[in-house]
Amino acid sequence: MNMEKVNCHNLRILKRFFEPVLAGTKKFEIRFDDRGYKKGDFIVMHEYSDEAPHYSGRTITKRIGFITNYEQKEGFVVFSLLDLV
């Protein structure tokens, strides 16, 4: 039985990307893999404004589904965002 540790990653996300994630139309994320993302990890996205740099206080939590670095820039991964059940 695989007992790998599941991590929770807190990430800043710009409002223009946060809104489609919240609406359910953006179902993937491309990130630099400086955190060792893996399938099953939780992603807590914190909405951020770069116009007047601050956090809005809104968050959304997703889970990583499929993950790959295929055809990505060096060091980047793309992963699917799954709803929590």
PDB file of N, CA and C in Angstrom:
ATOM      1  N   MET A   1       0.840  -1.186   0.000  1.00  0.00           N
ATOM      2  CA  MET A   1       0.000   0.000   0.000  1.00  0.00           C
ATOM      3  C   MET A   1       0.880   1.243   0.000  1.00  0.00           C
ATOM      4  N   ASN A   2       0.567   2.219  -0.877  1.00  0.00           N
ATOM      5  CA  ASN A   2       1.346   3.448  -1.003  1.00  0.00           C
ATOM      6  C   ASN A   2       0.885   4.459   0.042  1.00  0.00           C
ATOM      7  N   MET A   3       1.795   4.856   0.922  1.00  0.00           N
ATOM      8  CA  MET A   3       1.459   5.784   2.004  1.00  0.00           C
ATOM      9  C   MET A   3       2.241   7.084   1.865  1.00  0.00           C
ATOM     10  N   GLU A   4       2.335   7.609   0.613  1.00  0.00           N
ATOM     11  CA  GLU A   4       3.055   8.860   0.389  1.00  0.00           C
ATOM     12  C   GLU A   4       2.369  10.002   1.110  1.00  0.00           C
ATOM     13  N   LYS A   5       3.173  10.925   1.595  1.00  0.00           N
ATOM     14  CA  LYS A   5       2.658  12.095   2.295  1.00  0.00           C
ATOM     15  C   LYS A   5       1.965  13.035   1.316  1.00  0.00           C
ATOM     16  N   VAL A   6       0.799  13.522   1.688  1.00  0.00           N
ATOM     17  CA  VAL A   6       0.073  14.509   0.891  1.00  0.00           C
ATOM     18  C   VAL A   6       0.419  15.882   1.439  1.00  0.00           C
ATOM     19  N   ASN A   7       0.772  16.800   0.548  1.00  0.00           N
ATOM     20  CA  ASN A   7       1.138  18.150   0.956  1.00  0.00           C
ATOM     21  C   ASN A   7       0.013  19.130   0.661  1.00  0.00           C
ATOM     22  N   CYS A   8       0.065  20.268   1.331  1.00  0.00           N
ATOM     23  CA  CYS A   8      -0.854  21.366   1.093  1.00  0.00           C
ATOM     24  C   CYS A   8      -0.011  22.570   0.689  1.00  0.00           C
ATOM     25  N   HIS A   9      -0.242  23.074  -0.530  1.00  0.00           N
ATOM     26  CA  HIS A   9       0.535  24.183  -1.068  1.00  0.00           C
ATOM     27  C   HIS A   9      -0.322  25.452  -1.067  1.00  0.00           C
ATOM     28  N   ASN A  10       0.145  26.500  -0.423  1.00  0.00           N
ATOM     29  CA  ASN A  10      -0.521  27.795  -0.435  1.00  0.00           C
ATOM     30  C   ASN A  10       0.091  28.622  -1.551  1.00  0.00           C
ATOM     31  N   LEU A  11      -0.756  29.024  -2.513  1.00  0.00           N
ATOM     32  CA  LEU A  11      -0.275  29.722  -3.697  1.00  0.00           C
ATOM     33  C   LEU A  11      -1.000  31.046  -3.892  1.00  0.00           C
ATOM     34  N   ARG A  12      -0.268  32.022  -4.346  1.00  0.00           N
ATOM     35  CA  ARG A  12      -0.853  33.301  -4.736  1.00  0.00           C
ATOM     36  C   ARG A  12      -1.346  33.153  -6.178  1.00  0.00           C
ATOM     37  N   ILE A  13      -2.551  33.685  -6.466  1.00  0.00           N
ATOM     38  CA  ILE A  13      -3.099  33.629  -7.814  1.00  0.00           C
ATOM     39  C   ILE A  13      -3.758  34.971  -8.123  1.00  0.00           C
ATOM     40  N   LEU A  14      -3.436  35.519  -9.282  1.00  0.00           N
ATOM     41  CA  LEU A  14      -4.002  36.798  -9.682  1.00  0.00           C
ATOM     42  C   LEU A  14      -5.506  36.679  -9.909  1.00  0.00           C
ATOM     43  N   LYS A  15      -6.217  37.781  -9.645  1.00  0.00           N
ATOM     44  CA  LYS A  15      -7.679  37.802  -9.759  1.00  0.00           C
ATOM     45  C   LYS A  15      -8.153  37.319 -11.127  1.00  0.00           C
ATOM     46  N   ARG A  16      -7.461  37.713 -12.208  1.00  0.00           N
ATOM     47  CA  ARG A  16      -7.902  37.322 -13.560  1.00  0.00           C
ATOM     48  C   ARG A  16      -7.835  35.812 -13.776  1.00  0.00           C
ATOM     49  N   PHE A  17      -7.052  35.098 -12.963  1.00  0.00           N
ATOM     50  CA  PHE A  17      -7.003  33.635 -13.028  1.00  0.00           C
ATOM     51  C   PHE A  17      -7.858  33.002 -11.935  1.00  0.00           C
ATOM     52  N   PHE A  18      -7.982  33.685 -10.796  1.00  0.00           N
ATOM     53  CA  PHE A  18      -8.782  33.182  -9.677  1.00  0.00           C
ATOM     54  C   PHE A  18     -10.253  33.036 -10.072  1.00  0.00           C
ATOM     55  N   GLU A  19     -10.794  34.060 -10.743  1.00  0.00           N
ATOM     56  CA  GLU A  19     -12.217  34.055 -11.121  1.00  0.00           C
ATOM     57  C   GLU A  19     -12.594  32.838 -11.962  1.00  0.00           C
ATOM     58  N   PRO A  20     -11.838  32.486 -13.025  1.00  0.00           N
ATOM     59  CA  PRO A  20     -12.194  31.289 -13.801  1.00  0.00           C
ATOM     60  C   PRO A  20     -12.037  29.982 -13.006  1.00  0.00           C
ATOM     61  N   VAL A  21     -11.082  29.919 -12.078  1.00  0.00           N
ATOM     62  CA  VAL A  21     -10.958  28.728 -11.229  1.00  0.00           C
ATOM     63  C   VAL A  21     -12.212  28.622 -10.361  1.00  0.00           C
ATOM     64  N   LEU A  22     -12.619  29.738  -9.782  1.00  0.00           N
ATOM     65  CA  LEU A  22     -13.809  29.781  -8.930  1.00  0.00           C
ATOM     66  C   LEU A  22     -15.061  29.389  -9.721  1.00  0.00           C
ATOM     67  N   ALA A  23     -15.156  29.860 -10.968  1.00  0.00           N
ATOM     68  CA  ALA A  23     -16.309  29.560 -11.823  1.00  0.00           C
ATOM     69  C   ALA A  23     -16.286  28.120 -12.364  1.00  0.00           C
ATOM     70  N   GLY A  24     -15.128  27.463 -12.261  1.00  0.00           N
ATOM     71  CA  GLY A  24     -15.013  26.091 -12.740  1.00  0.00           C
ATOM     72  C   GLY A  24     -14.647  25.962 -14.201  1.00  0.00           C
ATOM     73  N   THR A  25     -14.285  27.083 -14.858  1.00  0.00           N
ATOM     74  CA  THR A  25     -13.915  27.021 -16.270  1.00  0.00           C
ATOM     75  C   THR A  25     -12.418  26.843 -16.481  1.00  0.00           C
ATOM     76  N   LYS A  26     -11.620  27.157 -15.479  1.00  0.00           N
ATOM     77  CA  LYS A  26     -10.168  26.925 -15.541  1.00  0.00           C
ATOM     78  C   LYS A  26      -9.879  25.721 -14.652  1.00  0.00           C
ATOM     79  N   LYS A  27      -9.549  24.610 -15.278  1.00  0.00           N
ATOM     80  CA  LYS A  27      -9.404  23.344 -14.560  1.00  0.00           C
ATOM     81  C   LYS A  27      -7.968  22.835 -14.539  1.00  0.00           C
ATOM     82  N   PHE A  28      -7.018  23.743 -14.765  1.00  0.00           N
ATOM     83  CA  PHE A  28      -5.610  23.358 -14.771  1.00  0.00           C
ATOM     84  C   PHE A  28      -4.772  24.513 -14.248  1.00  0.00           C
ATOM     85  N   GLU A  29      -3.550  24.218 -13.902  1.00  0.00           N
ATOM     86  CA  GLU A  29      -2.612  25.241 -13.435  1.00  0.00           C
ATOM     87  C   GLU A  29      -1.231  24.876 -13.966  1.00  0.00           C
ATOM     88  N   ILE A  30      -0.494  25.885 -14.415  1.00  0.00           N
ATOM     89  CA  ILE A  30       0.896  25.709 -14.834  1.00  0.00           C
ATOM     90  C   ILE A  30       1.754  26.453 -13.832  1.00  0.00           C
ATOM     91  N   ARG A  31       2.688  25.758 -13.231  1.00  0.00           N
ATOM     92  CA  ARG A  31       3.523  26.350 -12.188  1.00  0.00           C
ATOM     93  C   ARG A  31       4.962  25.871 -12.298  1.00  0.00           C
ATOM     94  N   PHE A  32       5.877  26.724 -11.827  1.00  0.00           N
ATOM     95  CA  PHE A  32       7.263  26.306 -11.657  1.00  0.00           C
ATOM     96  C   PHE A  32       7.263  25.275 -10.540  1.00  0.00           C
ATOM     97  N   ASP A  33       7.925  24.155 -10.759  1.00  0.00           N
ATOM     98  CA  ASP A  33       7.877  23.056  -9.788  1.00  0.00           C
ATOM     99  C   ASP A  33       8.961  23.201  -8.726  1.00  0.00           C
ATOM    100  N   ASP A  34       8.848  24.256  -7.939  1.00  0.00           N
ATOM    101  CA  ASP A  34       9.788  24.482  -6.844  1.00  0.00           C
ATOM    102  C   ASP A  34       9.286  23.886  -5.537  1.00  0.00           C
ATOM    103  N   ARG A  35       8.135  23.211  -5.583  1.00  0.00           N
ATOM    104  CA  ARG A  35       7.529  22.661  -4.368  1.00  0.00           C
ATOM    105  C   ARG A  35       7.368  21.146  -4.403  1.00  0.00           C
ATOM    106  N   GLY A  36       7.730  20.543  -5.532  1.00  0.00           N
ATOM    107  CA  GLY A  36       7.578  19.091  -5.643  1.00  0.00           C
ATOM    108  C   GLY A  36       6.124  18.663  -5.681  1.00  0.00           C
ATOM    109  N   TYR A  37       5.315  19.348  -6.488  1.00  0.00           N
ATOM    110  CA  TYR A  37       3.906  19.014  -6.608  1.00  0.00           C
ATOM    111  C   TYR A  37       3.737  17.552  -6.998  1.00  0.00           C
ATOM    112  N   LYS A  38       2.681  16.935  -6.467  1.00  0.00           N
ATOM    113  CA  LYS A  38       2.377  15.559  -6.866  1.00  0.00           C
ATOM    114  C   LYS A  38       0.873  15.308  -6.787  1.00  0.00           C
ATOM    115  N   LYS A  39       0.443  14.290  -7.506  1.00  0.00           N
ATOM    116  CA  LYS A  39      -0.964  13.909  -7.539  1.00  0.00           C
ATOM    117  C   LYS A  39      -1.470  13.693  -6.111  1.00  0.00           C
ATOM    118  N   GLY A  40      -2.632  14.264  -5.823  1.00  0.00           N
ATOM    119  CA  GLY A  40      -3.240  14.108  -4.506  1.00  0.00           C
ATOM    120  C   GLY A  40      -2.975  15.273  -3.563  1.00  0.00           C
ATOM    121  N   ASP A  41      -1.963  16.093  -3.868  1.00  0.00           N
ATOM    122  CA  ASP A  41      -1.674  17.257  -3.025  1.00  0.00           C
ATOM    123  C   ASP A  41      -2.837  18.248  -3.085  1.00  0.00           C
ATOM    124  N   PHE A  42      -3.001  19.010  -2.007  1.00  0.00           N
ATOM    125  CA  PHE A  42      -3.987  20.079  -1.951  1.00  0.00           C
ATOM    126  C   PHE A  42      -3.343  21.384  -2.384  1.00  0.00           C
ATOM    127  N   ILE A  43      -4.127  22.209  -3.065  1.00  0.00           N
ATOM    128  CA  ILE A  43      -3.693  23.529  -3.509  1.00  0.00           C
ATOM    129  C   ILE A  43      -4.674  24.538  -2.921  1.00  0.00           C
ATOM    130  N   VAL A  44      -4.179  25.450  -2.099  1.00  0.00           N
ATOM    131  CA  VAL A  44      -5.007  26.533  -1.575  1.00  0.00           C
ATOM    132  C   VAL A  44      -4.577  27.791  -2.310  1.00  0.00           C
ATOM    133  N   MET A  45      -5.492  28.317  -3.111  1.00  0.00           N
ATOM    134  CA  MET A  45      -5.194  29.497  -3.927  1.00  0.00           C
ATOM    135  C   MET A  45      -5.739  30.736  -3.233  1.00  0.00           C
ATOM    136  N   HIS A  46      -4.850  31.705  -3.048  1.00  0.00           N
ATOM    137  CA  HIS A  46      -5.196  32.962  -2.383  1.00  0.00           C
ATOM    138  C   HIS A  46      -5.242  34.063  -3.440  1.00  0.00           C
ATOM    139  N   GLU A  47      -6.429  34.656  -3.629  1.00  0.00           N
ATOM    140  CA  GLU A  47      -6.589  35.694  -4.641  1.00  0.00           C
ATOM    141  C   GLU A  47      -5.714  36.899  -4.305  1.00  0.00           C
ATOM    142  N   TYR A  48      -5.008  37.397  -5.331  1.00  0.00           N
ATOM    143  CA  TYR A  48      -4.045  38.488  -5.157  1.00  0.00           C
ATOM    144  C   TYR A  48      -4.251  39.524  -6.254  1.00  0.00           C
ATOM    145  N   SER A  49      -4.167  40.778  -5.880  1.00  0.00           N
ATOM    146  CA  SER A  49      -4.253  41.866  -6.854  1.00  0.00           C
ATOM    147  C   SER A  49      -2.877  42.458  -7.047  1.00  0.00           C
ATOM    148  N   ASP A  50      -2.443  42.571  -8.306  1.00  0.00           N
ATOM    149  CA  ASP A  50      -1.137  43.176  -8.559  1.00  0.00           C
ATOM    150  C   ASP A  50      -1.267  44.666  -8.865  1.00  0.00           C
ATOM    151  N   GLU A  51      -2.508  45.171  -8.975  1.00  0.00           N
ATOM    152  CA  GLU A  51      -2.713  46.602  -9.211  1.00  0.00           C
ATOM    153  C   GLU A  51      -2.319  47.406  -7.971  1.00  0.00           C
ATOM    154  N   ALA A  52      -2.890  47.038  -6.851  1.00  0.00           N
ATOM    155  CA  ALA A  52      -2.508  47.616  -5.559  1.00  0.00           C
ATOM    156  C   ALA A  52      -2.150  46.397  -4.722  1.00  0.00           C
ATOM    157  N   PRO A  53      -0.901  45.982  -4.748  1.00  0.00           N
ATOM    158  CA  PRO A  53      -0.524  44.663  -4.196  1.00  0.00           C
ATOM    159  C   PRO A  53      -1.121  44.359  -2.820  1.00  0.00           C
ATOM    160  N   HIS A  54      -2.036  43.400  -2.828  1.00  0.00           N
ATOM    161  CA  HIS A  54      -2.647  42.921  -1.590  1.00  0.00           C
ATOM    162  C   HIS A  54      -3.437  41.638  -1.869  1.00  0.00           C
ATOM    163  N   TYR A  55      -3.717  40.904  -0.803  1.00  0.00           N
ATOM    164  CA  TYR A  55      -4.575  39.729  -0.876  1.00  0.00           C
ATOM    165  C   TYR A  55      -6.008  40.168  -0.599  1.00  0.00           C
ATOM    166  N   SER A  56      -6.965  39.603  -1.327  1.00  0.00           N
ATOM    167  CA  SER A  56      -8.374  39.973  -1.146  1.00  0.00           C
ATOM    168  C   SER A  56      -8.989  39.271   0.059  1.00  0.00           C
ATOM    169  N   GLY A  57      -8.407  38.149   0.461  1.00  0.00           N
ATOM    170  CA  GLY A  57      -8.987  37.343   1.537  1.00  0.00           C
ATOM    171  C   GLY A  57      -9.779  36.159   1.003  1.00  0.00           C
ATOM    172  N   ARG A  58     -10.038  36.150  -0.322  1.00  0.00           N
ATOM    173  CA  ARG A  58     -10.762  35.016  -0.907  1.00  0.00           C
ATOM    174  C   ARG A  58      -9.782  33.887  -1.227  1.00  0.00           C
ATOM    175  N   THR A  59     -10.205  32.675  -0.962  1.00  0.00           N
ATOM    176  CA  THR A  59      -9.391  31.492  -1.257  1.00  0.00           C
ATOM    177  C   THR A  59     -10.274  30.415  -1.875  1.00  0.00           C
ATOM    178  N   ILE A  60      -9.626  29.493  -2.541  1.00  0.00           N
ATOM    179  CA  ILE A  60     -10.297  28.297  -3.036  1.00  0.00           C
ATOM    180  C   ILE A  60      -9.316  27.140  -2.901  1.00  0.00           C
ATOM    181  N   THR A  61      -9.822  25.999  -2.497  1.00  0.00           N
ATOM    182  CA  THR A  61      -8.989  24.814  -2.316  1.00  0.00           C
ATOM    183  C   THR A  61      -9.350  23.773  -3.363  1.00  0.00           C
ATOM    184  N   LYS A  62      -8.325  23.245  -4.006  1.00  0.00           N
ATOM    185  CA  LYS A  62      -8.471  22.199  -5.016  1.00  0.00           C
ATOM    186  C   LYS A  62      -7.492  21.079  -4.689  1.00  0.00           C
ATOM    187  N   ARG A  63      -7.599  20.009  -5.441  1.00  0.00           N
ATOM    188  CA  ARG A  63      -6.677  18.884  -5.298  1.00  0.00           C
ATOM    189  C   ARG A  63      -6.041  18.613  -6.651  1.00  0.00           C
ATOM    190  N   ILE A  64      -4.767  18.255  -6.643  1.00  0.00           N
ATOM    191  CA  ILE A  64      -4.072  17.940  -7.893  1.00  0.00           C
ATOM    192  C   ILE A  64      -4.516  16.564  -8.379  1.00  0.00           C
ATOM    193  N   GLY A  65      -4.936  16.532  -9.657  1.00  0.00           N
ATOM    194  CA  GLY A  65      -5.276  15.271 -10.308  1.00  0.00           C
ATOM    195  C   GLY A  65      -4.081  14.832 -11.132  1.00  0.00           C
ATOM    196  N   PHE A  66      -4.225  14.889 -12.431  1.00  0.00           N
ATOM    197  CA  PHE A  66      -3.144  14.528 -13.353  1.00  0.00           C
ATOM    198  C   PHE A  66      -2.063  15.605 -13.325  1.00  0.00           C
ATOM    199  N   ILE A  67      -0.815  15.194 -13.401  1.00  0.00           N
ATOM    200  CA  ILE A  67       0.309  16.134 -13.419  1.00  0.00           C
ATOM    201  C   ILE A  67       1.353  15.654 -14.419  1.00  0.00           C
ATOM    202  N   THR A  68       1.927  16.609 -15.170  1.00  0.00           N
ATOM    203  CA  THR A  68       2.963  16.263 -16.152  1.00  0.00           C
ATOM    204  C   THR A  68       3.850  17.476 -16.428  1.00  0.00           C
ATOM    205  N   ASN A  69       5.042  17.184 -16.919  1.00  0.00           N
ATOM    206  CA  ASN A  69       5.928  18.260 -17.385  1.00  0.00           C
ATOM    207  C   ASN A  69       6.082  18.197 -18.909  1.00  0.00           C
ATOM    208  N   TYR A  70       5.288  17.362 -19.568  1.00  0.00           N
ATOM    209  CA  TYR A  70       5.365  17.173 -21.015  1.00  0.00           C
ATOM    210  C   TYR A  70       5.139  18.495 -21.740  1.00  0.00           C
ATOM    211  N   GLU A  71       6.096  18.853 -22.620  1.00  0.00           N
ATOM    212  CA  GLU A  71       6.044  20.048 -23.453  1.00  0.00           C
ATOM    213  C   GLU A  71       6.000  21.353 -22.652  1.00  0.00           C
ATOM    214  N   GLN A  72       6.434  21.309 -21.395  1.00  0.00           N
ATOM    215  CA  GLN A  72       6.481  22.522 -20.571  1.00  0.00           C
ATOM    216  C   GLN A  72       7.891  23.108 -20.615  1.00  0.00           C
ATOM    217  N   LYS A  73       8.005  24.388 -20.279  1.00  0.00           N
ATOM    218  CA  LYS A  73       9.315  25.007 -20.143  1.00  0.00           C
ATOM    219  C   LYS A  73      10.082  24.279 -19.044  1.00  0.00           C
ATOM    220  N   GLU A  74      11.388  24.339 -19.131  1.00  0.00           N
ATOM    221  CA  GLU A  74      12.260  23.687 -18.147  1.00  0.00           C
ATOM    222  C   GLU A  74      11.837  24.051 -16.717  1.00  0.00           C
ATOM    223  N   GLY A  75      11.583  23.029 -15.903  1.00  0.00           N
ATOM    224  CA  GLY A  75      11.266  23.230 -14.500  1.00  0.00           C
ATOM    225  C   GLY A  75       9.791  23.468 -14.199  1.00  0.00           C
ATOM    226  N   PHE A  76       8.930  23.495 -15.227  1.00  0.00           N
ATOM    227  CA  PHE A  76       7.507  23.752 -15.033  1.00  0.00           C
ATOM    228  C   PHE A  76       6.695  22.476 -15.156  1.00  0.00           C
ATOM    229  N   VAL A  77       5.543  22.460 -14.510  1.00  0.00           N
ATOM    230  CA  VAL A  77       4.585  21.358 -14.610  1.00  0.00           C
ATOM    231  C   VAL A  77       3.198  21.943 -14.868  1.00  0.00           C
ATOM    232  N   VAL A  78       2.349  21.114 -15.401  1.00  0.00           N
ATOM    233  CA  VAL A  78       0.930  21.454 -15.541  1.00  0.00           C
ATOM    234  C   VAL A  78       0.146  20.370 -14.800  1.00  0.00           C
ATOM    235  N   PHE A  79      -0.849  20.797 -14.038  1.00  0.00           N
ATOM    236  CA  PHE A  79      -1.653  19.816 -13.326  1.00  0.00           C
ATOM    237  C   PHE A  79      -3.134  20.188 -13.366  1.00  0.00           C
ATOM    238  N   SER A  80      -3.972  19.161 -13.283  1.00  0.00           N
ATOM    239  CA  SER A  80      -5.414  19.390 -13.278  1.00  0.00           C
ATOM    240  C   SER A  80      -5.855  19.755 -11.860  1.00  0.00           C
ATOM    241  N   LEU A  81      -6.895  20.578 -11.796  1.00  0.00           N
ATOM    242  CA  LEU A  81      -7.452  21.020 -10.522  1.00  0.00           C
ATOM    243  C   LEU A  81      -8.766  20.289 -10.299  1.00  0.00           C
ATOM    244  N   LEU A  82      -8.823  19.470  -9.264  1.00  0.00           N
ATOM    245  CA  LEU A  82     -10.019  18.702  -8.962  1.00  0.00           C
ATOM    246  C   LEU A  82     -10.766  19.353  -7.806  1.00  0.00           C
ATOM    247  N   ASP A  83     -12.097  19.310  -7.895  1.00  0.00           N
ATOM    248  CA  ASP A  83     -12.921  19.794  -6.787  1.00  0.00           C
ATOM    249  C   ASP A  83     -12.804  18.835  -5.612  1.00  0.00           C
ATOM    250  N   LEU A  84     -12.964  19.361  -4.411  1.00  0.00           N
ATOM    251  CA  LEU A  84     -12.992  18.516  -3.223  1.00  0.00           C
ATOM    252  C   LEU A  84     -14.384  17.931  -3.100  1.00  0.00           C
ATOM    253  N   VAL A  85     -14.465  16.679  -2.740  1.00  0.00           N
ATOM    254  CA  VAL A  85     -15.766  16.026  -2.640  1.00  0.00           C
ATOM    255  C   VAL A  85     -16.192  15.949  -1.203  1.00  0.00           C
TER     256      VAL A  85
END
